[in-house]
Amino acid sequence: MATGKALITGGAGFIGSHLAELLLSEGWEVWVLDDLSTGSIQNVAHLKERPDFHLVVESVLSPAVVNELVYKCDVVYHLAAAVGVRLIVEEPVRTLVTNVQGTEVVLEHCNRFGKRVLVASTSEVYGDHREELPLAENSRRIYGPTTSRRWAYADSKAMDEFLALAYHQERGLDCVIVRLFNTVGPRQSGQYGMVIPNFVQSSLAGRQIEIHGDGTQTRCFCHVEDTIQALRSLMNARETSGEIFNVGSQERIRILDLADRVKVMTGSKSKLEFIPYDEVYGLGIEDMFHRIPDIDKIAGAVGWAPTRTLEEILTDVVAHFRHAPI
């Protein structure tokens, strides 16, 4: 397996820090660019003394820094983004500028120096699908109004995809786009609205578990260790250039049932509190009812499929928070 120098934007974040570990274990020299706004120095603290790991605390909005790092690296994993529902509804300007302008800066410099780039997108670009059917990469998108802040993140990541595809088609940029479906695992923070960390932390602390709406909305959760294997495999498969791939699990669960499973696993007596959507974060949001990935395309391209069950995911997250401050 070829190795070299890899840049991970957002590499001190939840997914990025796990990806850094994987690449280092395979012999890559890794540079991480992260402004630590949603990432954490604790996520990569155990790597800082390694001579093959380099942390640059700066923003993807800094062209001079991005220019230098892209130039010296062989491949770029662009994971930096403003993420999480809470951040989206409370700081829409930050969400839009970071996601759209930051991606534009990264793509421009990857194109300038002829570097292959993987752009992390999201299942949110599919919008609000009510039918419980798997979403393929070419499925239509269904969106709410621009007056609902909930859609700012989805639209910003859709623009990232449009930009990457435009650079590929017009200027020959070597890129691959990955739509992530609810990646979960150790180190993920519940600070910005991520459901499993929030449920686990509340259960362990004996606090009420907040469920938005009636809890009948469904999600599929993918273990971060499976996700980073997909990212690495897609980066290594050069024939994926200019393509979009879903990455996620197809094991679906209602949010209400998820809360019950977390309670059982933690031995918690926490009560469930149902929050109407118009009261969520004090602003009101629209939620997406169902998101199930069709993963036939990535299976055909690189042979990837998730290996860890939801039970294993929850076991890992509970173990992580039992040993972390609540």
C-alpha atoms as a PDB file:
ATOM      1  CA  MET A   1       0.000   0.000   0.000  1.00  0.00           C
ATOM      2  CA  ALA A   2       1.386   3.368  -1.047  1.00  0.00           C
ATOM      3  CA  THR A   3       2.120   5.868   1.694  1.00  0.00           C
ATOM      4  CA  GLY A   4       3.342   9.428   1.781  1.00  0.00           C
ATOM      5  CA  LYS A   5       2.255  12.691   3.322  1.00  0.00           C
ATOM      6  CA  ALA A   6      -1.413  13.293   4.102  1.00  0.00           C
ATOM      7  CA  LEU A   7      -3.217  16.469   5.148  1.00  0.00           C
ATOM      8  CA  ILE A   8      -6.418  16.166   7.179  1.00  0.00           C
ATOM      9  CA  THR A   9      -8.389  19.396   7.533  1.00  0.00           C
ATOM     10  CA  GLY A  10     -10.486  19.191  10.682  1.00  0.00           C
ATOM     11  CA  GLY A  11      -8.109  16.485  11.856  1.00  0.00           C
ATOM     12  CA  ALA A  12      -8.509  17.278  15.556  1.00  0.00           C
ATOM     13  CA  GLY A  13     -12.211  16.562  15.266  1.00  0.00           C
ATOM     14  CA  PHE A  14     -13.992  13.330  16.069  1.00  0.00           C
ATOM     15  CA  ILE A  15     -13.650  11.605  12.685  1.00  0.00           C
ATOM     16  CA  GLY A  16     -10.409  13.337  11.715  1.00  0.00           C
ATOM     17  CA  SER A  17      -8.529  12.196  14.813  1.00  0.00           C
ATOM     18  CA  HIS A  18      -9.473   8.563  14.201  1.00  0.00           C
ATOM     19  CA  LEU A  19      -8.447   8.894  10.553  1.00  0.00           C
ATOM     20  CA  ALA A  20      -5.090  10.342  11.626  1.00  0.00           C
ATOM     21  CA  GLU A  21      -4.479   7.288  13.816  1.00  0.00           C
ATOM     22  CA  LEU A  22      -5.302   4.936  10.942  1.00  0.00           C
ATOM     23  CA  LEU A  23      -3.015   6.687   8.469  1.00  0.00           C
ATOM     24  CA  LEU A  24      -0.157   6.865  10.975  1.00  0.00           C
ATOM     25  CA  SER A  25      -0.520   3.136  11.656  1.00  0.00           C
ATOM     26  CA  GLU A  26      -0.093   2.501   7.936  1.00  0.00           C
ATOM     27  CA  GLY A  27       3.085   4.558   7.645  1.00  0.00           C
ATOM     28  CA  TRP A  28       1.765   7.924   6.479  1.00  0.00           C
ATOM     29  CA  GLU A  29       3.204  11.187   7.726  1.00  0.00           C
ATOM     30  CA  VAL A  30       0.192  13.217   8.798  1.00  0.00           C
ATOM     31  CA  TRP A  31      -0.450  16.944   8.959  1.00  0.00           C
ATOM     32  CA  VAL A  32      -3.604  18.107  10.737  1.00  0.00           C
ATOM     33  CA  LEU A  33      -5.086  21.550  10.132  1.00  0.00           C
ATOM     34  CA  ASP A  34      -7.709  22.502  12.712  1.00  0.00           C
ATOM     35  CA  ASP A  35      -8.769  25.766  14.347  1.00  0.00           C
ATOM     36  CA  LEU A  36     -10.095  23.785  17.361  1.00  0.00           C
ATOM     37  CA  SER A  37     -13.480  25.524  17.158  1.00  0.00           C
ATOM     38  CA  THR A  38     -15.361  22.216  17.231  1.00  0.00           C
ATOM     39  CA  GLY A  39     -12.357  19.883  17.310  1.00  0.00           C
ATOM     40  CA  SER A  40     -10.365  19.330  20.489  1.00  0.00           C
ATOM     41  CA  ILE A  41      -6.694  19.203  21.343  1.00  0.00           C
ATOM     42  CA  GLN A  42      -7.539  16.232  23.592  1.00  0.00           C
ATOM     43  CA  ASN A  43      -8.504  14.180  20.532  1.00  0.00           C
ATOM     44  CA  VAL A  44      -4.916  14.253  19.246  1.00  0.00           C
ATOM     45  CA  ALA A  45      -2.949  14.840  22.452  1.00  0.00           C
ATOM     46  CA  HIS A  46      -1.661  11.252  22.395  1.00  0.00           C
ATOM     47  CA  LEU A  47      -0.206  11.843  18.908  1.00  0.00           C
ATOM     48  CA  LYS A  48       1.577  15.147  19.463  1.00  0.00           C
ATOM     49  CA  GLU A  49       4.945  13.670  20.436  1.00  0.00           C
ATOM     50  CA  ARG A  50       5.173  11.500  17.322  1.00  0.00           C
ATOM     51  CA  PRO A  51       7.705  12.775  14.767  1.00  0.00           C
ATOM     52  CA  ASP A  52       5.382  11.770  11.911  1.00  0.00           C
ATOM     53  CA  PHE A  53       2.423  13.807  13.241  1.00  0.00           C
ATOM     54  CA  HIS A  54       2.101  17.583  12.850  1.00  0.00           C
ATOM     55  CA  LEU A  55      -0.696  19.773  14.235  1.00  0.00           C
ATOM     56  CA  VAL A  56      -1.268  23.221  12.741  1.00  0.00           C
ATOM     57  CA  VAL A  57      -3.793  25.274  14.708  1.00  0.00           C
ATOM     58  CA  GLU A  58      -5.251  27.500  12.020  1.00  0.00           C
ATOM     59  CA  SER A  59      -8.348  27.805   9.855  1.00  0.00           C
ATOM     60  CA  VAL A  60      -9.091  26.493   6.378  1.00  0.00           C
ATOM     61  CA  LEU A  61     -10.116  30.094   5.736  1.00  0.00           C
ATOM     62  CA  SER A  62      -6.415  31.044   5.795  1.00  0.00           C
ATOM     63  CA  PRO A  63      -5.199  30.706   2.173  1.00  0.00           C
ATOM     64  CA  ALA A  64      -1.507  31.101   3.022  1.00  0.00           C
ATOM     65  CA  VAL A  65      -1.598  28.230   5.524  1.00  0.00           C
ATOM     66  CA  VAL A  66      -3.644  25.986   3.244  1.00  0.00           C
ATOM     67  CA  ASN A  67      -1.296  26.789   0.355  1.00  0.00           C
ATOM     68  CA  GLU A  68       1.783  25.664   2.305  1.00  0.00           C
ATOM     69  CA  LEU A  69       0.221  22.483   3.671  1.00  0.00           C
ATOM     70  CA  VAL A  70      -1.373  21.320   0.402  1.00  0.00           C
ATOM     71  CA  TYR A  71       1.903  21.943  -1.417  1.00  0.00           C
ATOM     72  CA  LYS A  72       3.912  19.703   0.930  1.00  0.00           C
ATOM     73  CA  CYS A  73       1.365  16.859   1.147  1.00  0.00           C
ATOM     74  CA  ASP A  74       0.470  14.166  -1.394  1.00  0.00           C
ATOM     75  CA  VAL A  75      -3.234  13.767  -0.597  1.00  0.00           C
ATOM     76  CA  VAL A  76      -5.832  15.857   1.221  1.00  0.00           C
ATOM     77  CA  TYR A  77      -8.754  14.674   3.324  1.00  0.00           C
ATOM     78  CA  HIS A  78     -11.048  17.695   3.640  1.00  0.00           C
ATOM     79  CA  LEU A  79     -13.116  17.090   6.770  1.00  0.00           C
ATOM     80  CA  ALA A  80     -13.140  20.615   8.249  1.00  0.00           C
ATOM     81  CA  ALA A  81     -16.686  21.930   8.603  1.00  0.00           C
ATOM     82  CA  ALA A  82     -19.101  23.592  10.970  1.00  0.00           C
ATOM     83  CA  VAL A  83     -21.235  20.658  12.100  1.00  0.00           C
ATOM     84  CA  GLY A  84     -24.137  19.854  14.377  1.00  0.00           C
ATOM     85  CA  VAL A  85     -27.741  21.058  14.479  1.00  0.00           C
ATOM     86  CA  ARG A  86     -27.173  23.383  17.436  1.00  0.00           C
ATOM     87  CA  LEU A  87     -24.338  25.197  15.666  1.00  0.00           C
ATOM     88  CA  ILE A  88     -26.393  25.432  12.480  1.00  0.00           C
ATOM     89  CA  VAL A  89     -29.368  27.129  14.106  1.00  0.00           C
ATOM     90  CA  GLU A  90     -27.367  29.329  16.483  1.00  0.00           C
ATOM     91  CA  GLU A  91     -24.501  30.384  14.184  1.00  0.00           C
ATOM     92  CA  PRO A  92     -25.683  30.184  10.566  1.00  0.00           C
ATOM     93  CA  VAL A  93     -23.105  32.702   9.294  1.00  0.00           C
ATOM     94  CA  ARG A  94     -20.238  30.660  10.717  1.00  0.00           C
ATOM     95  CA  THR A  95     -21.756  27.484   9.240  1.00  0.00           C
ATOM     96  CA  LEU A  96     -22.101  28.906   5.745  1.00  0.00           C
ATOM     97  CA  VAL A  97     -18.768  30.728   5.597  1.00  0.00           C
ATOM     98  CA  THR A  98     -16.726  27.856   7.054  1.00  0.00           C
ATOM     99  CA  ASN A  99     -18.304  25.214   4.858  1.00  0.00           C
ATOM    100  CA  VAL A 100     -18.496  27.032   1.544  1.00  0.00           C
ATOM    101  CA  GLN A 101     -15.522  29.414   1.653  1.00  0.00           C
ATOM    102  CA  GLY A 102     -13.310  26.915   3.482  1.00  0.00           C
ATOM    103  CA  THR A 103     -13.965  24.234   0.886  1.00  0.00           C
ATOM    104  CA  GLU A 104     -13.343  26.709  -1.925  1.00  0.00           C
ATOM    105  CA  VAL A 105      -9.913  27.537  -0.461  1.00  0.00           C
ATOM    106  CA  VAL A 106      -8.976  23.863  -0.124  1.00  0.00           C
ATOM    107  CA  LEU A 107     -10.172  22.942  -3.624  1.00  0.00           C
ATOM    108  CA  GLU A 108      -8.380  25.903  -5.195  1.00  0.00           C
ATOM    109  CA  HIS A 109      -5.036  24.867  -3.726  1.00  0.00           C
ATOM    110  CA  CYS A 110      -5.507  21.159  -4.437  1.00  0.00           C
ATOM    111  CA  ASN A 111      -6.186  22.137  -8.033  1.00  0.00           C
ATOM    112  CA  ARG A 112      -3.184  24.480  -8.146  1.00  0.00           C
ATOM    113  CA  PHE A 113      -0.766  21.787  -7.002  1.00  0.00           C
ATOM    114  CA  GLY A 114      -2.472  18.780  -8.616  1.00  0.00           C
ATOM    115  CA  LYS A 115      -3.243  16.996  -5.321  1.00  0.00           C
ATOM    116  CA  ARG A 116      -5.953  14.371  -4.890  1.00  0.00           C
ATOM    117  CA  VAL A 117      -8.643  15.428  -2.412  1.00  0.00           C
ATOM    118  CA  LEU A 118     -11.464  13.641  -0.608  1.00  0.00           C
ATOM    119  CA  VAL A 119     -14.332  15.977   0.295  1.00  0.00           C
ATOM    120  CA  ALA A 120     -16.510  14.923   3.231  1.00  0.00           C
ATOM    121  CA  SER A 121     -20.164  15.735   2.627  1.00  0.00           C
ATOM    122  CA  THR A 122     -23.258  14.628   4.502  1.00  0.00           C
ATOM    123  CA  SER A 123     -26.486  12.665   4.212  1.00  0.00           C
ATOM    124  CA  GLU A 124     -28.240  15.930   5.047  1.00  0.00           C
ATOM    125  CA  VAL A 125     -27.913  16.961   1.383  1.00  0.00           C
ATOM    126  CA  TYR A 126     -30.770  14.551   0.592  1.00  0.00           C
ATOM    127  CA  GLY A 127     -33.139  16.750   2.574  1.00  0.00           C
ATOM    128  CA  ASP A 128     -36.415  15.676   4.145  1.00  0.00           C
ATOM    129  CA  HIS A 129     -37.427  12.238   2.858  1.00  0.00           C
ATOM    130  CA  ARG A 130     -40.605  10.820   4.401  1.00  0.00           C
ATOM    131  CA  GLU A 131     -40.437   7.403   2.733  1.00  0.00           C
ATOM    132  CA  GLU A 132     -38.424   4.703   4.476  1.00  0.00           C
ATOM    133  CA  LEU A 133     -36.371   3.807   1.407  1.00  0.00           C
ATOM    134  CA  PRO A 134     -32.591   3.669   0.873  1.00  0.00           C
ATOM    135  CA  LEU A 135     -31.157   6.839  -0.656  1.00  0.00           C
ATOM    136  CA  ALA A 136     -28.856   6.347  -3.647  1.00  0.00           C
ATOM    137  CA  GLU A 137     -26.232   8.875  -4.684  1.00  0.00           C
ATOM    138  CA  ASN A 138     -28.445  10.076  -7.552  1.00  0.00           C
ATOM    139  CA  SER A 139     -31.653  10.341  -5.474  1.00  0.00           C
ATOM    140  CA  ARG A 140     -33.516  13.623  -5.663  1.00  0.00           C
ATOM    141  CA  ARG A 141     -33.123  16.115  -2.838  1.00  0.00           C
ATOM    142  CA  ILE A 142     -36.162  17.419  -0.922  1.00  0.00           C
ATOM    143  CA  TYR A 143     -35.670  20.683   0.948  1.00  0.00           C
ATOM    144  CA  GLY A 144     -37.578  23.018   3.219  1.00  0.00           C
ATOM    145  CA  PRO A 145     -37.688  26.813   2.893  1.00  0.00           C
ATOM    146  CA  THR A 146     -34.656  29.074   3.215  1.00  0.00           C
ATOM    147  CA  THR A 147     -36.378  30.708   6.175  1.00  0.00           C
ATOM    148  CA  SER A 148     -35.727  27.535   8.184  1.00  0.00           C
ATOM    149  CA  ARG A 149     -32.156  27.594   9.491  1.00  0.00           C
ATOM    150  CA  ARG A 150     -32.167  23.796   9.630  1.00  0.00           C
ATOM    151  CA  TRP A 151     -31.332  23.657   5.918  1.00  0.00           C
ATOM    152  CA  ALA A 152     -28.312  25.990   5.988  1.00  0.00           C
ATOM    153  CA  TYR A 153     -25.887  23.145   6.701  1.00  0.00           C
ATOM    154  CA  ALA A 154     -27.373  20.883   4.027  1.00  0.00           C
ATOM    155  CA  ASP A 155     -27.231  23.664   1.439  1.00  0.00           C
ATOM    156  CA  SER A 156     -23.667  24.598   2.355  1.00  0.00           C
ATOM    157  CA  LYS A 157     -22.480  20.997   1.954  1.00  0.00           C
ATOM    158  CA  ALA A 158     -24.391  20.677  -1.322  1.00  0.00           C
ATOM    159  CA  MET A 159     -22.462  23.732  -2.543  1.00  0.00           C
ATOM    160  CA  ASP A 160     -19.236  21.974  -1.496  1.00  0.00           C
ATOM    161  CA  GLU A 161     -20.225  19.065  -3.722  1.00  0.00           C
ATOM    162  CA  PHE A 162     -21.096  21.342  -6.638  1.00  0.00           C
ATOM    163  CA  LEU A 163     -17.744  23.101  -6.280  1.00  0.00           C
ATOM    164  CA  ALA A 164     -15.760  19.871  -6.143  1.00  0.00           C
ATOM    165  CA  LEU A 165     -17.566  18.442  -9.178  1.00  0.00           C
ATOM    166  CA  ALA A 166     -17.094  21.708 -11.070  1.00  0.00           C
ATOM    167  CA  TYR A 167     -13.342  21.690 -10.361  1.00  0.00           C
ATOM    168  CA  HIS A 168     -13.194  18.065 -11.510  1.00  0.00           C
ATOM    169  CA  GLN A 169     -15.184  18.604 -14.704  1.00  0.00           C
ATOM    170  CA  GLU A 170     -13.791  21.995 -15.720  1.00  0.00           C
ATOM    171  CA  ARG A 171     -10.220  21.846 -14.432  1.00  0.00           C
ATOM    172  CA  GLY A 172      -9.486  18.163 -14.000  1.00  0.00           C
ATOM    173  CA  LEU A 173      -9.209  18.145 -10.202  1.00  0.00           C
ATOM    174  CA  ASP A 174      -8.711  14.626  -8.850  1.00  0.00           C
ATOM    175  CA  CYS A 175     -11.391  14.421  -6.160  1.00  0.00           C
ATOM    176  CA  VAL A 176     -13.887  12.059  -4.567  1.00  0.00           C
ATOM    177  CA  ILE A 177     -16.947  13.058  -2.514  1.00  0.00           C
ATOM    178  CA  VAL A 178     -18.223  11.084   0.474  1.00  0.00           C
ATOM    179  CA  ARG A 179     -21.667  11.503   2.012  1.00  0.00           C
ATOM    180  CA  LEU A 180     -21.481  10.413   5.650  1.00  0.00           C
ATOM    181  CA  PHE A 181     -24.561   9.015   7.403  1.00  0.00           C
ATOM    182  CA  ASN A 182     -24.452   9.554  11.175  1.00  0.00           C
ATOM    183  CA  THR A 183     -20.936   8.496  12.103  1.00  0.00           C
ATOM    184  CA  VAL A 184     -20.690   7.675  15.822  1.00  0.00           C
ATOM    185  CA  GLY A 185     -18.074   6.454  18.274  1.00  0.00           C
ATOM    186  CA  PRO A 186     -15.640   7.383  21.053  1.00  0.00           C
ATOM    187  CA  ARG A 187     -14.605  11.073  21.204  1.00  0.00           C
ATOM    188  CA  GLN A 188     -17.792  12.357  19.589  1.00  0.00           C
ATOM    189  CA  SER A 189     -19.155  15.302  21.536  1.00  0.00           C
ATOM    190  CA  GLY A 190     -22.816  15.864  22.261  1.00  0.00           C
ATOM    191  CA  GLN A 191     -22.188  19.607  22.514  1.00  0.00           C
ATOM    192  CA  TYR A 192     -23.612  20.410  19.100  1.00  0.00           C
ATOM    193  CA  GLY A 193     -26.645  18.139  19.143  1.00  0.00           C
ATOM    194  CA  MET A 194     -25.245  14.673  18.282  1.00  0.00           C
ATOM    195  CA  VAL A 195     -27.903  12.278  19.499  1.00  0.00           C
ATOM    196  CA  ILE A 196     -26.026   9.202  20.797  1.00  0.00           C
ATOM    197  CA  PRO A 197     -23.443  11.123  22.887  1.00  0.00           C
ATOM    198  CA  ASN A 198     -26.283  13.218  24.317  1.00  0.00           C
ATOM    199  CA  PHE A 199     -28.389  10.184  25.211  1.00  0.00           C
ATOM    200  CA  VAL A 200     -25.443   8.348  26.774  1.00  0.00           C
ATOM    201  CA  GLN A 201     -24.204  11.314  28.799  1.00  0.00           C
ATOM    202  CA  SER A 202     -27.697  12.105  30.068  1.00  0.00           C
ATOM    203  CA  SER A 203     -28.298   8.472  31.000  1.00  0.00           C
ATOM    204  CA  LEU A 204     -25.034   8.136  32.887  1.00  0.00           C
ATOM    205  CA  ALA A 205     -25.691  11.395  34.756  1.00  0.00           C
ATOM    206  CA  GLY A 206     -29.300  10.504  35.570  1.00  0.00           C
ATOM    207  CA  ARG A 207     -30.585  13.526  33.668  1.00  0.00           C
ATOM    208  CA  GLN A 208     -33.700  13.595  31.512  1.00  0.00           C
ATOM    209  CA  ILE A 209     -33.156  12.309  27.985  1.00  0.00           C
ATOM    210  CA  GLU A 210     -34.423  14.890  25.502  1.00  0.00           C
ATOM    211  CA  ILE A 211     -36.177  13.530  22.422  1.00  0.00           C
ATOM    212  CA  HIS A 212     -37.082  15.978  19.675  1.00  0.00           C
ATOM    213  CA  GLY A 213     -40.576  15.432  18.332  1.00  0.00           C
ATOM    214  CA  ASP A 214     -42.283  12.120  19.076  1.00  0.00           C
ATOM    215  CA  GLY A 215     -39.186   9.944  18.525  1.00  0.00           C
ATOM    216  CA  THR A 216     -40.584   8.026  15.556  1.00  0.00           C
ATOM    217  CA  GLN A 217     -37.945   9.456  13.185  1.00  0.00           C
ATOM    218  CA  THR A 218     -35.333   6.841  12.252  1.00  0.00           C
ATOM    219  CA  ARG A 219     -31.562   6.917  11.786  1.00  0.00           C
ATOM    220  CA  CYS A 220     -28.774   4.536  10.782  1.00  0.00           C
ATOM    221  CA  PHE A 221     -25.547   4.851  12.790  1.00  0.00           C
ATOM    222  CA  CYS A 222     -22.096   3.888  11.511  1.00  0.00           C
ATOM    223  CA  HIS A 223     -19.086   3.248  13.753  1.00  0.00           C
ATOM    224  CA  VAL A 224     -16.248   5.705  13.182  1.00  0.00           C
ATOM    225  CA  GLU A 225     -13.787   2.844  12.682  1.00  0.00           C
ATOM    226  CA  ASP A 226     -15.873   1.625   9.741  1.00  0.00           C
ATOM    227  CA  THR A 227     -16.186   5.159   8.368  1.00  0.00           C
ATOM    228  CA  ILE A 228     -12.439   5.832   8.312  1.00  0.00           C
ATOM    229  CA  GLN A 229     -11.819   2.537   6.532  1.00  0.00           C
ATOM    230  CA  ALA A 230     -14.199   3.736   3.829  1.00  0.00           C
ATOM    231  CA  LEU A 231     -12.437   7.113   3.563  1.00  0.00           C
ATOM    232  CA  ARG A 232      -9.020   5.494   3.274  1.00  0.00           C
ATOM    233  CA  SER A 233     -10.242   2.956   0.692  1.00  0.00           C
ATOM    234  CA  LEU A 234     -11.900   5.604  -1.476  1.00  0.00           C
ATOM    235  CA  MET A 235      -8.820   7.823  -1.360  1.00  0.00           C
ATOM    236  CA  ASN A 236      -6.636   4.909  -2.468  1.00  0.00           C
ATOM    237  CA  ALA A 237      -8.948   3.938  -5.342  1.00  0.00           C
ATOM    238  CA  ARG A 238      -8.009   6.441  -8.045  1.00  0.00           C
ATOM    239  CA  GLU A 239     -10.804   5.268 -10.342  1.00  0.00           C
ATOM    240  CA  THR A 240     -13.312   6.891  -7.950  1.00  0.00           C
ATOM    241  CA  SER A 241     -12.301  10.387  -9.106  1.00  0.00           C
ATOM    242  CA  GLY A 242     -15.264  12.657  -9.807  1.00  0.00           C
ATOM    243  CA  GLU A 243     -17.709  10.315  -8.055  1.00  0.00           C
ATOM    244  CA  ILE A 244     -19.951  10.545  -4.982  1.00  0.00           C
ATOM    245  CA  PHE A 245     -20.301   7.700  -2.464  1.00  0.00           C
ATOM    246  CA  ASN A 246     -22.601   7.084   0.492  1.00  0.00           C
ATOM    247  CA  VAL A 247     -20.904   5.808   3.646  1.00  0.00           C
ATOM    248  CA  GLY A 248     -23.121   4.496   6.414  1.00  0.00           C
ATOM    249  CA  SER A 249     -24.884   1.607   8.060  1.00  0.00           C
ATOM    250  CA  GLN A 250     -28.269   0.226   7.016  1.00  0.00           C
ATOM    251  CA  GLU A 251     -29.234  -0.882  10.528  1.00  0.00           C
ATOM    252  CA  ARG A 252     -32.153   1.437  11.197  1.00  0.00           C
ATOM    253  CA  ILE A 253     -33.667   2.395  14.573  1.00  0.00           C
ATOM    254  CA  ARG A 254     -36.312   4.816  15.809  1.00  0.00           C
ATOM    255  CA  ILE A 255     -34.914   7.541  18.075  1.00  0.00           C
ATOM    256  CA  LEU A 256     -37.401   6.538  20.781  1.00  0.00           C
ATOM    257  CA  ASP A 257     -36.121   2.952  20.684  1.00  0.00           C
ATOM    258  CA  LEU A 258     -32.545   4.218  20.696  1.00  0.00           C
ATOM    259  CA  ALA A 259     -33.209   6.077  23.964  1.00  0.00           C
ATOM    260  CA  ASP A 260     -34.640   2.920  25.512  1.00  0.00           C
ATOM    261  CA  ARG A 261     -31.607   0.857  24.443  1.00  0.00           C
ATOM    262  CA  VAL A 262     -29.219   3.419  25.917  1.00  0.00           C
ATOM    263  CA  LYS A 263     -31.145   3.383  29.204  1.00  0.00           C
ATOM    264  CA  VAL A 264     -30.956  -0.404  29.416  1.00  0.00           C
ATOM    265  CA  MET A 265     -27.270  -0.479  28.524  1.00  0.00           C
ATOM    266  CA  THR A 266     -26.359   2.136  31.134  1.00  0.00           C
ATOM    267  CA  GLY A 267     -28.762   0.866  33.795  1.00  0.00           C
ATOM    268  CA  SER A 268     -30.234   4.351  33.917  1.00  0.00           C
ATOM    269  CA  LYS A 269     -33.543   5.461  35.388  1.00  0.00           C
ATOM    270  CA  SER A 270     -33.529   8.695  33.394  1.00  0.00           C
ATOM    271  CA  LYS A 271     -36.945   9.832  32.225  1.00  0.00           C
ATOM    272  CA  LEU A 272     -37.682  10.695  28.620  1.00  0.00           C
ATOM    273  CA  GLU A 273     -38.617  14.293  27.850  1.00  0.00           C
ATOM    274  CA  PHE A 274     -40.261  15.024  24.505  1.00  0.00           C
ATOM    275  CA  ILE A 275     -39.420  18.459  23.080  1.00  0.00           C
ATOM    276  CA  PRO A 276     -41.675  19.786  20.285  1.00  0.00           C
ATOM    277  CA  TYR A 277     -39.715  20.835  17.217  1.00  0.00           C
ATOM    278  CA  ASP A 278     -40.867  24.434  17.581  1.00  0.00           C
ATOM    279  CA  GLU A 279     -39.157  24.565  20.988  1.00  0.00           C
ATOM    280  CA  VAL A 280     -35.850  22.899  20.077  1.00  0.00           C
ATOM    281  CA  TYR A 281     -32.922  25.185  20.998  1.00  0.00           C
ATOM    282  CA  GLY A 282     -35.505  27.910  21.593  1.00  0.00           C
ATOM    283  CA  LEU A 283     -35.648  28.552  17.860  1.00  0.00           C
ATOM    284  CA  GLY A 284     -37.546  25.713  16.264  1.00  0.00           C
ATOM    285  CA  ILE A 285     -36.121  23.337  13.692  1.00  0.00           C
ATOM    286  CA  GLU A 286     -37.346  20.963  11.044  1.00  0.00           C
ATOM    287  CA  ASP A 287     -36.082  17.417  11.301  1.00  0.00           C
ATOM    288  CA  MET A 288     -35.547  14.749   8.693  1.00  0.00           C
ATOM    289  CA  PHE A 289     -37.766  11.739   9.225  1.00  0.00           C
ATOM    290  CA  HIS A 290     -35.725   8.984   7.612  1.00  0.00           C
ATOM    291  CA  ARG A 291     -32.186   8.589   6.269  1.00  0.00           C
ATOM    292  CA  ILE A 292     -31.134   5.155   5.053  1.00  0.00           C
ATOM    293  CA  PRO A 293     -28.093   4.915   2.770  1.00  0.00           C
ATOM    294  CA  ASP A 294     -27.912   2.797  -0.340  1.00  0.00           C
ATOM    295  CA  ILE A 295     -24.310   1.519  -0.146  1.00  0.00           C
ATOM    296  CA  ASP A 296     -24.217  -0.633  -3.275  1.00  0.00           C
ATOM    297  CA  LYS A 297     -22.008   1.874  -5.099  1.00  0.00           C
ATOM    298  CA  ILE A 298     -19.175   1.902  -2.556  1.00  0.00           C
ATOM    299  CA  ALA A 299     -19.418  -1.871  -2.159  1.00  0.00           C
ATOM    300  CA  GLY A 300     -18.919  -2.239  -5.900  1.00  0.00           C
ATOM    301  CA  ALA A 301     -16.083   0.284  -6.049  1.00  0.00           C
ATOM    302  CA  VAL A 302     -13.911  -0.741  -3.087  1.00  0.00           C
ATOM    303  CA  GLY A 303     -15.709  -3.664  -1.437  1.00  0.00           C
ATOM    304  CA  TRP A 304     -16.601  -1.652   1.669  1.00  0.00           C
ATOM    305  CA  ALA A 305     -19.457  -2.432   4.033  1.00  0.00           C
ATOM    306  CA  PRO A 306     -19.882  -1.604   7.737  1.00  0.00           C
ATOM    307  CA  THR A 307     -18.787  -4.361  10.101  1.00  0.00           C
ATOM    308  CA  ARG A 308     -19.944  -3.103  13.501  1.00  0.00           C
ATOM    309  CA  THR A 309     -23.510  -3.349  14.817  1.00  0.00           C
ATOM    310  CA  LEU A 310     -25.425  -0.682  16.675  1.00  0.00           C
ATOM    311  CA  GLU A 311     -24.956  -2.752  19.836  1.00  0.00           C
ATOM    312  CA  GLU A 312     -21.178  -2.549  19.402  1.00  0.00           C
ATOM    313  CA  ILE A 313     -21.372   1.186  18.702  1.00  0.00           C
ATOM    314  CA  LEU A 314     -23.367   1.859  21.866  1.00  0.00           C
ATOM    315  CA  THR A 315     -21.045  -0.352  23.919  1.00  0.00           C
ATOM    316  CA  ASP A 316     -18.022   1.658  22.752  1.00  0.00           C
ATOM    317  CA  VAL A 317     -19.660   5.040  23.367  1.00  0.00           C
ATOM    318  CA  VAL A 318     -20.894   4.062  26.841  1.00  0.00           C
ATOM    319  CA  ALA A 319     -17.424   2.767  27.759  1.00  0.00           C
ATOM    320  CA  HIS A 320     -15.873   6.013  26.504  1.00  0.00           C
ATOM    321  CA  PHE A 321     -18.125   8.239  28.601  1.00  0.00           C
ATOM    322  CA  ARG A 322     -17.878   6.053  31.703  1.00  0.00           C
ATOM    323  CA  HIS A 323     -14.170   6.937  31.739  1.00  0.00           C
ATOM    324  CA  ALA A 324     -14.597  10.602  30.750  1.00  0.00           C
ATOM    325  CA  PRO A 325     -15.858  13.618  32.727  1.00  0.00           C
ATOM    326  CA  ILE A 326     -19.614  14.083  32.355  1.00  0.00           C
END
